[in-house]
């Protein structure tokens, strides 16, 4: 990203922070309270999967607002976002796509259990504990679930030679069908897509 682009993004971000609260919009666009600001600052300082502090701040502030409609607790939201970005970076996935998978799989309910036994934010099947972890792993633990989910998605993406549609169908167990990947892509485009 060149210097002019970074300055433009910084200007727009600063203007948004100053203008939005003055408009008296709904709580989703109001300035965060003191607790949230402190948590956000701490998360930004600990984030090492970003190119720089500015990128971390822009992404985390943006995604925190988006995720607030699904996860009420600011500490849990920022924990999820930090882990999503860290594990996405580790497994070379787009963090926004991982958020879209969570959106479709569990609507961000860390305790979600499907009718077939998949668990947690990314709805990981328990048999994966024997494949990539240990039987003692807790799939409702946010860090464990996100790490497993990203590892599984990356494995399927490699198997499908980079084709995300087919990788998502494998992730869901609906190989040869497009309904699940379409739901994930729709969630990504509607709720999690970023242009910056």
N, C-alpha and C. Protein backbone atom coordinates (compact mmCIF):
# COMPACT_ATOMS: atom_id res chain seq x y z
N UNK A 1 0.86 -1.17 0.00
CA UNK A 1 0.00 0.00 0.00
C UNK A 1 0.90 1.23 0.00
N UNK A 2 0.67 2.15 -0.94
CA UNK A 2 1.53 3.32 -1.01
C UNK A 2 1.16 4.35 0.05
N UNK A 3 2.01 5.34 0.19
CA UNK A 3 1.86 6.34 1.24
C UNK A 3 0.57 7.14 1.08
N UNK A 4 0.22 7.50 -0.14
CA UNK A 4 -1.00 8.28 -0.38
C UNK A 4 -2.24 7.48 0.03
N UNK A 5 -2.26 6.20 -0.31
CA UNK A 5 -3.40 5.35 0.07
C UNK A 5 -3.53 5.25 1.57
N UNK A 6 -2.40 5.08 2.25
CA UNK A 6 -2.43 4.97 3.71
C UNK A 6 -2.92 6.27 4.34
N UNK A 7 -2.46 7.40 3.80
CA UNK A 7 -2.91 8.69 4.34
C UNK A 7 -4.41 8.88 4.10
N UNK A 8 -4.88 8.47 2.93
CA UNK A 8 -6.30 8.59 2.62
C UNK A 8 -7.14 7.72 3.56
N UNK A 9 -6.71 6.49 3.78
CA UNK A 9 -7.43 5.60 4.70
C UNK A 9 -7.42 6.18 6.10
N UNK A 10 -6.28 6.67 6.54
CA UNK A 10 -6.19 7.26 7.88
C UNK A 10 -7.13 8.46 8.01
N UNK A 11 -7.20 9.31 6.96
CA UNK A 11 -8.07 10.47 6.99
C UNK A 11 -9.54 10.04 7.09
N UNK A 12 -9.93 9.07 6.25
CA UNK A 12 -11.32 8.60 6.26
C UNK A 12 -11.66 7.97 7.61
N UNK A 13 -10.74 7.16 8.15
CA UNK A 13 -10.97 6.52 9.44
C UNK A 13 -11.12 7.56 10.54
N UNK A 14 -10.24 8.55 10.56
CA UNK A 14 -10.31 9.61 11.58
C UNK A 14 -11.59 10.41 11.43
N UNK A 15 -11.96 10.73 10.21
CA UNK A 15 -13.19 11.49 9.98
C UNK A 15 -14.40 10.70 10.45
N UNK A 16 -14.39 9.39 10.20
CA UNK A 16 -15.52 8.56 10.63
C UNK A 16 -15.63 8.52 12.15
N UNK A 17 -14.51 8.45 12.82
CA UNK A 17 -14.52 8.43 14.29
C UNK A 17 -15.07 9.74 14.84
N UNK A 18 -14.76 10.84 14.19
CA UNK A 18 -15.21 12.14 14.67
C UNK A 18 -16.65 12.46 14.28
N UNK A 19 -17.07 12.04 13.10
CA UNK A 19 -18.38 12.42 12.59
C UNK A 19 -19.50 11.51 13.09
N UNK A 20 -19.28 10.20 13.10
CA UNK A 20 -20.36 9.26 13.43
C UNK A 20 -20.98 9.53 14.80
N UNK A 21 -20.20 9.72 15.88
CA UNK A 21 -20.85 9.98 17.17
C UNK A 21 -21.66 11.27 17.17
N UNK A 22 -21.22 12.25 16.41
CA UNK A 22 -21.93 13.53 16.36
C UNK A 22 -23.29 13.40 15.68
N UNK A 23 -23.47 12.39 14.87
CA UNK A 23 -24.74 12.21 14.17
C UNK A 23 -25.81 11.59 15.06
N UNK A 24 -25.40 11.06 16.20
CA UNK A 24 -26.37 10.45 17.12
C UNK A 24 -27.01 9.20 16.54
N UNK A 25 -26.22 8.39 15.85
CA UNK A 25 -26.74 7.17 15.24
C UNK A 25 -26.95 6.09 16.28
N UNK A 26 -27.49 4.97 15.85
CA UNK A 26 -27.76 3.84 16.75
C UNK A 26 -26.49 3.36 17.43
N UNK A 27 -26.67 2.58 18.49
CA UNK A 27 -25.55 2.16 19.31
C UNK A 27 -24.48 1.39 18.54
N UNK A 28 -24.83 0.74 17.44
CA UNK A 28 -23.84 -0.01 16.67
C UNK A 28 -22.78 0.89 16.07
N UNK A 29 -23.09 2.18 15.90
CA UNK A 29 -22.11 3.09 15.32
C UNK A 29 -21.61 4.12 16.32
N UNK A 30 -21.98 3.99 17.58
CA UNK A 30 -21.50 4.92 18.59
C UNK A 30 -20.09 4.55 19.01
N UNK A 31 -19.41 5.52 19.59
CA UNK A 31 -18.07 5.26 20.10
C UNK A 31 -18.13 4.16 21.15
N UNK A 32 -17.10 3.33 21.19
CA UNK A 32 -17.09 2.28 22.20
C UNK A 32 -16.91 2.87 23.59
N UNK A 33 -17.43 2.17 24.59
CA UNK A 33 -17.26 2.64 25.96
C UNK A 33 -15.80 2.47 26.39
N UNK A 34 -15.47 2.95 27.57
CA UNK A 34 -14.09 2.94 28.05
C UNK A 34 -13.53 1.51 28.13
N UNK A 35 -14.32 0.57 28.62
CA UNK A 35 -13.85 -0.82 28.72
C UNK A 35 -13.50 -1.38 27.35
N UNK A 36 -14.36 -1.13 26.37
CA UNK A 36 -14.11 -1.62 25.02
C UNK A 36 -12.88 -0.96 24.42
N UNK A 37 -12.72 0.35 24.64
CA UNK A 37 -11.53 1.05 24.12
C UNK A 37 -10.25 0.44 24.70
N UNK A 38 -10.25 0.16 26.00
CA UNK A 38 -9.06 -0.42 26.63
C UNK A 38 -8.78 -1.82 26.10
N UNK A 39 -9.84 -2.62 25.94
CA UNK A 39 -9.67 -3.96 25.39
C UNK A 39 -9.16 -3.90 23.95
N UNK A 40 -9.70 -2.98 23.17
CA UNK A 40 -9.28 -2.81 21.79
C UNK A 40 -7.81 -2.40 21.72
N UNK A 41 -7.42 -1.45 22.56
CA UNK A 41 -6.03 -1.00 22.59
C UNK A 41 -5.10 -2.15 22.93
N UNK A 42 -5.47 -2.95 23.94
CA UNK A 42 -4.67 -4.10 24.35
C UNK A 42 -4.57 -5.12 23.23
N UNK A 43 -5.67 -5.38 22.55
CA UNK A 43 -5.68 -6.35 21.45
C UNK A 43 -4.81 -5.87 20.30
N UNK A 44 -4.87 -4.59 19.98
CA UNK A 44 -4.05 -4.02 18.90
C UNK A 44 -2.58 -4.17 19.23
N UNK A 45 -2.22 -3.90 20.47
CA UNK A 45 -0.81 -3.98 20.87
C UNK A 45 -0.29 -5.42 20.83
N UNK A 46 -1.15 -6.39 21.05
CA UNK A 46 -0.73 -7.80 21.06
C UNK A 46 -0.81 -8.44 19.67
N UNK A 47 -1.45 -7.78 18.74
CA UNK A 47 -1.67 -8.36 17.41
C UNK A 47 -0.36 -8.37 16.63
N UNK A 48 0.10 -9.55 16.28
CA UNK A 48 1.34 -9.66 15.50
C UNK A 48 1.12 -10.26 14.12
N UNK A 49 -0.12 -10.49 13.75
CA UNK A 49 -0.42 -11.05 12.43
C UNK A 49 -0.73 -9.96 11.41
N UNK A 50 -0.63 -8.71 11.82
CA UNK A 50 -0.88 -7.58 10.93
C UNK A 50 0.45 -7.00 10.45
N UNK A 51 0.40 -6.30 9.30
CA UNK A 51 1.60 -5.66 8.79
C UNK A 51 2.12 -4.59 9.74
N UNK A 52 1.20 -3.84 10.31
CA UNK A 52 1.59 -2.78 11.24
C UNK A 52 0.43 -2.45 12.17
N UNK A 53 0.68 -1.57 13.11
CA UNK A 53 -0.32 -1.20 14.11
C UNK A 53 -1.54 -0.55 13.45
N UNK A 54 -1.33 0.25 12.43
CA UNK A 54 -2.43 0.93 11.75
C UNK A 54 -3.39 -0.08 11.12
N UNK A 55 -2.83 -1.07 10.43
CA UNK A 55 -3.67 -2.10 9.82
C UNK A 55 -4.47 -2.84 10.90
N UNK A 56 -3.81 -3.15 12.01
CA UNK A 56 -4.49 -3.84 13.11
C UNK A 56 -5.64 -3.00 13.64
N UNK A 57 -5.40 -1.72 13.83
CA UNK A 57 -6.42 -0.83 14.38
C UNK A 57 -7.62 -0.72 13.45
N UNK A 58 -7.37 -0.51 12.18
CA UNK A 58 -8.46 -0.37 11.21
C UNK A 58 -9.30 -1.65 11.16
N UNK A 59 -8.63 -2.79 11.02
CA UNK A 59 -9.35 -4.06 10.89
C UNK A 59 -10.12 -4.40 12.16
N UNK A 60 -9.46 -4.28 13.31
CA UNK A 60 -10.11 -4.65 14.57
C UNK A 60 -11.29 -3.74 14.91
N UNK A 61 -11.15 -2.44 14.68
CA UNK A 61 -12.26 -1.52 14.95
C UNK A 61 -13.44 -1.84 14.03
N UNK A 62 -13.15 -2.04 12.76
CA UNK A 62 -14.19 -2.35 11.78
C UNK A 62 -14.90 -3.67 12.13
N UNK A 63 -14.13 -4.72 12.33
CA UNK A 63 -14.72 -6.03 12.60
C UNK A 63 -15.40 -6.09 13.97
N UNK A 64 -14.88 -5.35 14.94
CA UNK A 64 -15.51 -5.31 16.26
C UNK A 64 -16.93 -4.76 16.15
N UNK A 65 -17.10 -3.71 15.36
CA UNK A 65 -18.45 -3.15 15.15
C UNK A 65 -19.36 -4.16 14.47
N UNK A 66 -18.85 -4.84 13.47
CA UNK A 66 -19.67 -5.81 12.74
C UNK A 66 -20.06 -7.00 13.63
N UNK A 67 -19.10 -7.46 14.42
CA UNK A 67 -19.34 -8.64 15.26
C UNK A 67 -20.21 -8.32 16.48
N UNK A 68 -20.30 -7.05 16.85
CA UNK A 68 -21.05 -6.68 18.06
C UNK A 68 -22.53 -7.05 17.99
N UNK A 69 -23.07 -7.20 16.81
CA UNK A 69 -24.48 -7.60 16.69
C UNK A 69 -24.70 -9.07 17.02
N UNK A 70 -23.61 -9.85 17.08
CA UNK A 70 -23.72 -11.28 17.36
C UNK A 70 -23.10 -11.68 18.70
N UNK A 71 -22.06 -10.96 19.10
CA UNK A 71 -21.36 -11.27 20.35
C UNK A 71 -21.40 -10.02 21.22
N UNK A 72 -22.14 -10.07 22.29
CA UNK A 72 -22.36 -8.90 23.14
C UNK A 72 -21.12 -8.50 23.94
N UNK A 73 -20.42 -9.48 24.49
CA UNK A 73 -19.28 -9.21 25.37
C UNK A 73 -18.08 -8.71 24.57
N UNK A 74 -17.61 -7.47 24.83
CA UNK A 74 -16.50 -6.92 24.05
C UNK A 74 -15.20 -7.72 24.20
N UNK A 75 -14.96 -8.27 25.37
CA UNK A 75 -13.75 -9.07 25.58
C UNK A 75 -13.78 -10.33 24.72
N UNK A 76 -14.91 -11.00 24.69
CA UNK A 76 -15.04 -12.21 23.87
C UNK A 76 -14.93 -11.87 22.38
N UNK A 77 -15.56 -10.76 21.97
CA UNK A 77 -15.48 -10.33 20.56
C UNK A 77 -14.03 -10.14 20.13
N UNK A 78 -13.28 -9.39 20.93
CA UNK A 78 -11.90 -9.10 20.54
C UNK A 78 -11.03 -10.34 20.60
N UNK A 79 -11.33 -11.24 21.52
CA UNK A 79 -10.60 -12.51 21.58
C UNK A 79 -10.85 -13.30 20.29
N UNK A 80 -12.11 -13.38 19.88
CA UNK A 80 -12.44 -14.09 18.64
C UNK A 80 -11.72 -13.45 17.46
N UNK A 81 -11.80 -12.13 17.35
CA UNK A 81 -11.18 -11.43 16.21
C UNK A 81 -9.67 -11.61 16.19
N UNK A 82 -9.03 -11.50 17.35
CA UNK A 82 -7.58 -11.68 17.41
C UNK A 82 -7.20 -13.09 16.97
N UNK A 83 -7.92 -14.09 17.48
CA UNK A 83 -7.63 -15.47 17.12
C UNK A 83 -7.93 -15.76 15.65
N UNK A 84 -9.02 -15.21 15.15
CA UNK A 84 -9.35 -15.40 13.72
C UNK A 84 -8.23 -14.85 12.86
N UNK A 85 -7.77 -13.65 13.17
CA UNK A 85 -6.71 -13.06 12.35
C UNK A 85 -5.41 -13.83 12.48
N UNK A 86 -5.06 -14.22 13.70
CA UNK A 86 -3.81 -14.96 13.93
C UNK A 86 -3.82 -16.30 13.21
N UNK A 87 -4.89 -17.07 13.37
CA UNK A 87 -4.95 -18.39 12.74
C UNK A 87 -5.12 -18.29 11.22
N UNK A 88 -5.85 -17.29 10.75
CA UNK A 88 -5.98 -17.09 9.31
C UNK A 88 -4.62 -16.78 8.70
N UNK A 89 -3.86 -15.95 9.37
CA UNK A 89 -2.51 -15.60 8.91
C UNK A 89 -1.64 -16.86 8.88
N UNK A 90 -1.72 -17.65 9.94
CA UNK A 90 -0.91 -18.88 10.04
C UNK A 90 -1.25 -19.85 8.91
N UNK A 91 -2.52 -19.99 8.58
CA UNK A 91 -2.95 -20.96 7.58
C UNK A 91 -3.20 -20.34 6.20
N UNK A 92 -2.81 -19.07 6.05
CA UNK A 92 -2.92 -18.37 4.76
C UNK A 92 -4.35 -18.35 4.23
N UNK A 93 -5.27 -17.96 5.12
CA UNK A 93 -6.68 -17.81 4.76
C UNK A 93 -7.07 -16.36 4.94
N UNK A 94 -8.14 -15.94 4.29
CA UNK A 94 -8.67 -14.59 4.52
C UNK A 94 -9.47 -14.61 5.82
N UNK A 95 -9.12 -13.74 6.77
CA UNK A 95 -9.84 -13.75 8.05
C UNK A 95 -11.33 -13.46 7.88
N UNK A 96 -11.68 -12.65 6.90
CA UNK A 96 -13.09 -12.34 6.67
C UNK A 96 -13.86 -13.57 6.19
N UNK A 97 -13.18 -14.45 5.44
CA UNK A 97 -13.82 -15.69 5.00
C UNK A 97 -14.02 -16.63 6.19
N UNK A 98 -13.06 -16.65 7.10
CA UNK A 98 -13.21 -17.47 8.32
C UNK A 98 -14.39 -16.95 9.14
N UNK A 99 -14.54 -15.63 9.23
CA UNK A 99 -15.69 -15.06 9.94
C UNK A 99 -17.00 -15.45 9.24
N UNK A 100 -16.98 -15.49 7.92
CA UNK A 100 -18.19 -15.89 7.17
C UNK A 100 -18.54 -17.36 7.45
N UNK A 101 -17.52 -18.22 7.56
CA UNK A 101 -17.77 -19.62 7.90
C UNK A 101 -18.42 -19.70 9.28
N UNK A 102 -17.87 -18.97 10.24
CA UNK A 102 -18.45 -18.96 11.60
C UNK A 102 -19.88 -18.44 11.59
N UNK A 103 -20.11 -17.41 10.79
CA UNK A 103 -21.44 -16.82 10.67
C UNK A 103 -22.45 -17.89 10.26
N UNK A 104 -22.11 -18.63 9.22
CA UNK A 104 -23.02 -19.65 8.70
C UNK A 104 -23.09 -20.86 9.62
N UNK A 105 -21.95 -21.28 10.14
CA UNK A 105 -21.90 -22.51 10.95
C UNK A 105 -22.58 -22.37 12.30
N UNK A 106 -22.31 -21.28 13.03
CA UNK A 106 -22.78 -21.20 14.42
C UNK A 106 -23.39 -19.86 14.81
N UNK A 107 -23.39 -18.91 13.91
CA UNK A 107 -23.80 -17.54 14.22
C UNK A 107 -23.06 -17.05 15.47
N UNK A 108 -21.79 -17.45 15.56
CA UNK A 108 -20.85 -17.02 16.60
C UNK A 108 -21.22 -17.52 18.00
N UNK A 109 -21.89 -18.67 18.05
CA UNK A 109 -22.19 -19.30 19.34
C UNK A 109 -21.11 -20.34 19.62
N UNK A 110 -20.23 -20.03 20.55
CA UNK A 110 -19.10 -20.92 20.84
C UNK A 110 -19.55 -22.26 21.41
N UNK A 111 -20.76 -22.34 21.94
CA UNK A 111 -21.27 -23.58 22.51
C UNK A 111 -22.22 -24.33 21.57
N UNK A 112 -22.32 -23.89 20.33
CA UNK A 112 -23.23 -24.52 19.38
C UNK A 112 -22.82 -25.98 19.15
N UNK A 113 -23.83 -26.84 19.10
CA UNK A 113 -23.62 -28.26 18.77
C UNK A 113 -24.67 -28.62 17.73
N UNK A 114 -24.21 -29.14 16.59
CA UNK A 114 -25.15 -29.50 15.52
C UNK A 114 -25.80 -30.84 15.81
N UNK A 115 -26.80 -31.18 15.03
CA UNK A 115 -27.51 -32.45 15.20
C UNK A 115 -26.60 -33.65 14.92
N UNK A 116 -25.49 -33.42 14.18
CA UNK A 116 -24.55 -34.52 13.91
C UNK A 116 -23.33 -34.49 14.84
N UNK A 117 -23.31 -33.53 15.77
CA UNK A 117 -22.25 -33.50 16.78
C UNK A 117 -21.13 -32.51 16.55
N UNK A 118 -21.18 -31.73 15.47
CA UNK A 118 -20.16 -30.71 15.24
C UNK A 118 -20.27 -29.65 16.34
N UNK A 119 -19.12 -29.11 16.76
CA UNK A 119 -19.10 -28.25 17.94
C UNK A 119 -18.41 -26.91 17.69
N UNK A 120 -18.88 -25.90 18.42
CA UNK A 120 -18.19 -24.62 18.51
C UNK A 120 -18.43 -23.66 17.37
N UNK A 121 -17.66 -22.60 17.38
CA UNK A 121 -17.80 -21.51 16.41
C UNK A 121 -17.73 -21.99 14.97
N UNK A 122 -16.79 -22.89 14.68
CA UNK A 122 -16.59 -23.35 13.31
C UNK A 122 -17.16 -24.75 13.08
N UNK A 123 -17.95 -25.24 14.07
CA UNK A 123 -18.64 -26.53 13.96
C UNK A 123 -17.69 -27.65 13.53
N UNK A 124 -16.72 -27.91 14.38
CA UNK A 124 -15.72 -28.94 14.13
C UNK A 124 -16.23 -30.28 14.65
N UNK A 125 -16.11 -31.31 13.84
CA UNK A 125 -16.52 -32.66 14.24
C UNK A 125 -15.49 -33.23 15.22
N UNK A 126 -15.94 -33.93 16.27
CA UNK A 126 -15.03 -34.47 17.28
C UNK A 126 -13.95 -35.41 16.74
N UNK A 127 -14.20 -36.12 15.62
CA UNK A 127 -13.18 -37.04 15.10
C UNK A 127 -11.89 -36.32 14.74
N UNK A 128 -11.97 -34.99 14.48
CA UNK A 128 -10.76 -34.24 14.14
C UNK A 128 -9.77 -34.18 15.30
N UNK A 129 -10.24 -34.37 16.52
CA UNK A 129 -9.32 -34.36 17.67
C UNK A 129 -8.28 -35.47 17.52
N UNK A 130 -8.68 -36.62 17.01
CA UNK A 130 -7.75 -37.73 16.80
C UNK A 130 -6.83 -37.47 15.62
N UNK A 131 -7.30 -36.70 14.66
CA UNK A 131 -6.53 -36.45 13.44
C UNK A 131 -5.48 -35.34 13.60
N UNK A 132 -5.86 -34.24 14.26
CA UNK A 132 -4.94 -33.10 14.32
C UNK A 132 -4.68 -32.57 15.73
N UNK A 133 -5.19 -33.27 16.74
CA UNK A 133 -5.00 -32.79 18.10
C UNK A 133 -4.93 -33.95 19.07
N UNK A 134 -5.58 -33.77 20.22
CA UNK A 134 -5.64 -34.84 21.21
C UNK A 134 -7.08 -34.99 21.67
N UNK A 135 -7.39 -36.13 22.23
CA UNK A 135 -8.75 -36.39 22.71
C UNK A 135 -9.15 -35.45 23.83
N UNK A 136 -8.17 -34.84 24.49
CA UNK A 136 -8.46 -33.91 25.59
C UNK A 136 -8.83 -32.51 25.10
N UNK A 137 -8.66 -32.22 23.82
CA UNK A 137 -8.97 -30.88 23.31
C UNK A 137 -10.45 -30.58 23.45
N UNK A 138 -10.75 -29.36 23.85
CA UNK A 138 -12.13 -28.91 24.04
C UNK A 138 -12.55 -28.09 22.82
N UNK A 139 -13.46 -28.61 22.04
CA UNK A 139 -13.86 -27.94 20.80
C UNK A 139 -14.75 -26.72 21.02
N UNK A 140 -15.22 -26.50 22.25
CA UNK A 140 -15.94 -25.26 22.53
C UNK A 140 -15.00 -24.17 23.04
N UNK A 141 -13.73 -24.51 23.23
CA UNK A 141 -12.72 -23.49 23.55
C UNK A 141 -12.48 -22.69 22.28
N UNK A 142 -12.58 -21.38 22.39
CA UNK A 142 -12.51 -20.51 21.21
C UNK A 142 -11.20 -20.72 20.44
N UNK A 143 -10.08 -20.70 21.14
CA UNK A 143 -8.78 -20.82 20.47
C UNK A 143 -8.64 -22.18 19.78
N UNK A 144 -9.01 -23.23 20.46
CA UNK A 144 -8.91 -24.58 19.89
C UNK A 144 -9.81 -24.72 18.67
N UNK A 145 -11.04 -24.25 18.77
CA UNK A 145 -11.99 -24.39 17.68
C UNK A 145 -11.55 -23.62 16.44
N UNK A 146 -11.08 -22.40 16.64
CA UNK A 146 -10.64 -21.59 15.50
C UNK A 146 -9.40 -22.21 14.85
N UNK A 147 -8.46 -22.69 15.67
CA UNK A 147 -7.26 -23.32 15.12
C UNK A 147 -7.64 -24.56 14.31
N UNK A 148 -8.49 -25.42 14.86
CA UNK A 148 -8.94 -26.61 14.15
C UNK A 148 -9.65 -26.23 12.85
N UNK A 149 -10.62 -25.31 12.96
CA UNK A 149 -11.40 -24.93 11.79
C UNK A 149 -10.54 -24.39 10.66
N UNK A 150 -9.57 -23.54 11.01
CA UNK A 150 -8.68 -22.98 9.99
C UNK A 150 -7.78 -24.07 9.39
N UNK A 151 -7.28 -24.98 10.22
CA UNK A 151 -6.44 -26.07 9.72
C UNK A 151 -7.23 -26.96 8.76
N UNK A 152 -8.46 -27.26 9.12
CA UNK A 152 -9.31 -28.11 8.28
C UNK A 152 -9.62 -27.42 6.95
N UNK A 153 -10.02 -26.15 7.03
CA UNK A 153 -10.33 -25.41 5.80
C UNK A 153 -9.11 -25.31 4.89
N UNK A 154 -7.94 -25.05 5.46
CA UNK A 154 -6.71 -24.96 4.65
C UNK A 154 -6.39 -26.31 4.01
N UNK A 155 -6.58 -27.39 4.75
CA UNK A 155 -6.35 -28.73 4.21
C UNK A 155 -7.24 -28.98 3.00
N UNK A 156 -8.51 -28.63 3.12
CA UNK A 156 -9.44 -28.82 2.01
C UNK A 156 -9.14 -27.87 0.85
N UNK A 157 -8.67 -26.68 1.16
CA UNK A 157 -8.31 -25.73 0.11
C UNK A 157 -7.12 -26.26 -0.70
N UNK A 158 -6.15 -26.85 -0.02
CA UNK A 158 -5.02 -27.47 -0.73
C UNK A 158 -5.50 -28.65 -1.57
N UNK A 159 -6.34 -29.47 -0.98
CA UNK A 159 -6.85 -30.65 -1.69
C UNK A 159 -7.60 -30.24 -2.95
N UNK A 160 -8.30 -29.11 -2.88
CA UNK A 160 -9.08 -28.62 -4.02
C UNK A 160 -8.30 -27.61 -4.86
N UNK A 161 -6.98 -27.59 -4.70
CA UNK A 161 -6.07 -26.76 -5.50
C UNK A 161 -6.48 -25.29 -5.53
N UNK A 162 -6.86 -24.77 -4.36
CA UNK A 162 -7.17 -23.35 -4.23
C UNK A 162 -8.60 -22.97 -4.54
N UNK A 163 -9.44 -23.91 -4.90
CA UNK A 163 -10.83 -23.60 -5.22
C UNK A 163 -11.64 -23.53 -3.92
N UNK A 164 -11.96 -22.31 -3.50
CA UNK A 164 -12.64 -22.11 -2.22
C UNK A 164 -14.06 -22.68 -2.23
N UNK A 165 -14.75 -22.62 -3.34
CA UNK A 165 -16.11 -23.19 -3.41
C UNK A 165 -16.08 -24.68 -3.07
N UNK A 166 -15.17 -25.41 -3.71
CA UNK A 166 -15.09 -26.86 -3.46
C UNK A 166 -14.56 -27.14 -2.06
N UNK A 167 -13.61 -26.32 -1.60
CA UNK A 167 -13.07 -26.50 -0.24
C UNK A 167 -14.16 -26.31 0.81
N UNK A 168 -15.00 -25.31 0.62
CA UNK A 168 -16.11 -25.07 1.56
C UNK A 168 -17.12 -26.21 1.53
N UNK A 169 -17.38 -26.75 0.34
CA UNK A 169 -18.30 -27.89 0.25
C UNK A 169 -17.73 -29.08 1.02
N UNK A 170 -16.43 -29.31 0.91
CA UNK A 170 -15.79 -30.38 1.68
C UNK A 170 -15.89 -30.10 3.17
N UNK A 171 -15.65 -28.86 3.56
CA UNK A 171 -15.69 -28.47 4.97
C UNK A 171 -17.05 -28.83 5.57
N UNK A 172 -18.08 -28.62 4.80
CA UNK A 172 -19.45 -28.87 5.26
C UNK A 172 -19.89 -30.32 5.04
N UNK A 173 -19.14 -31.06 4.26
CA UNK A 173 -19.55 -32.43 3.95
C UNK A 173 -20.59 -32.49 2.86
N UNK A 174 -20.63 -31.47 2.01
CA UNK A 174 -21.62 -31.44 0.93
C UNK A 174 -20.91 -31.36 -0.43
N UNK A 175 -19.90 -32.21 -0.61
CA UNK A 175 -19.12 -32.23 -1.85
C UNK A 175 -20.05 -32.43 -3.04
N UNK A 176 -19.82 -31.64 -4.08
CA UNK A 176 -20.63 -31.74 -5.29
C UNK A 176 -21.86 -30.86 -5.28
N UNK A 177 -22.13 -30.21 -4.15
CA UNK A 177 -23.28 -29.31 -4.04
C UNK A 177 -22.76 -27.89 -3.79
N UNK A 178 -23.56 -26.92 -4.15
CA UNK A 178 -23.11 -25.53 -4.01
C UNK A 178 -23.86 -24.73 -2.96
N UNK A 179 -24.90 -25.30 -2.36
CA UNK A 179 -25.72 -24.51 -1.43
C UNK A 179 -24.92 -23.99 -0.24
N UNK A 180 -24.03 -24.81 0.33
CA UNK A 180 -23.27 -24.36 1.49
C UNK A 180 -22.23 -23.30 1.12
N UNK A 181 -21.37 -23.54 0.11
CA UNK A 181 -20.42 -22.49 -0.26
C UNK A 181 -21.11 -21.18 -0.64
N UNK A 182 -22.26 -21.28 -1.29
CA UNK A 182 -23.00 -20.06 -1.65
C UNK A 182 -23.45 -19.31 -0.40
N UNK A 183 -23.89 -20.03 0.62
CA UNK A 183 -24.28 -19.37 1.88
C UNK A 183 -23.09 -18.66 2.51
N UNK A 184 -21.92 -19.32 2.51
CA UNK A 184 -20.72 -18.70 3.09
C UNK A 184 -20.32 -17.47 2.29
N UNK A 185 -20.29 -17.60 0.96
CA UNK A 185 -19.92 -16.44 0.14
C UNK A 185 -20.93 -15.31 0.29
N UNK A 186 -22.20 -15.63 0.42
CA UNK A 186 -23.21 -14.58 0.64
C UNK A 186 -22.98 -13.87 1.97
N UNK A 187 -22.68 -14.63 3.03
CA UNK A 187 -22.39 -14.02 4.33
C UNK A 187 -21.13 -13.16 4.25
N UNK A 188 -20.13 -13.65 3.54
CA UNK A 188 -18.89 -12.89 3.37
C UNK A 188 -19.16 -11.56 2.66
N UNK A 189 -19.89 -11.63 1.54
CA UNK A 189 -20.18 -10.41 0.79
C UNK A 189 -21.08 -9.45 1.55
N UNK A 190 -22.04 -9.97 2.28
CA UNK A 190 -23.01 -9.12 2.97
C UNK A 190 -22.50 -8.55 4.29
N UNK A 191 -21.74 -9.34 5.04
CA UNK A 191 -21.37 -8.92 6.39
C UNK A 191 -19.87 -8.71 6.63
N UNK A 192 -19.00 -9.40 5.91
CA UNK A 192 -17.59 -9.44 6.29
C UNK A 192 -16.62 -8.94 5.23
N UNK A 193 -17.08 -8.66 4.04
CA UNK A 193 -16.19 -8.21 2.96
C UNK A 193 -15.56 -6.86 3.31
N UNK A 194 -14.28 -6.71 2.98
CA UNK A 194 -13.58 -5.44 3.17
C UNK A 194 -12.94 -5.00 1.87
N UNK A 195 -12.88 -3.69 1.68
CA UNK A 195 -12.27 -3.14 0.46
C UNK A 195 -10.90 -2.53 0.73
N UNK A 196 -10.56 -2.28 1.98
CA UNK A 196 -9.30 -1.58 2.27
C UNK A 196 -8.11 -2.46 2.20
